[in-house]
């Protein structure tokens, strides 16, 4: 994957996440700027998701620890350690912070 194709795929993924979060978890505030998506939960905690161009990964950080996701084609990003997709990982974190399940379907 070229650097340009990575940026395009990562940006599309982040934009899609913003749209899905608006539907599935409207109580979460989102802000996206320069390849960094910040989520703020009602309890004041945050999750940050950003693209890492040097290693062609999407990284996720939150109080429970970091996760890194490799591109698997289309808009599919998978954590090589757990095998979970970005959406699956995020849904678990959202459920912890919001107290209810959140469905973030992946592609």
Foldseek 3Di string as FASTA:
>chain_A
DDLVVLVVLLVVLLVLVVVLCCVFPVQWDWDDDDFKIWIAHPVGWIKIWGADSVVSWIKIDGPVGIFIWHDDDRNWTAGVVPRDTPQVVVQVVCCVRVVHGTDDDDD
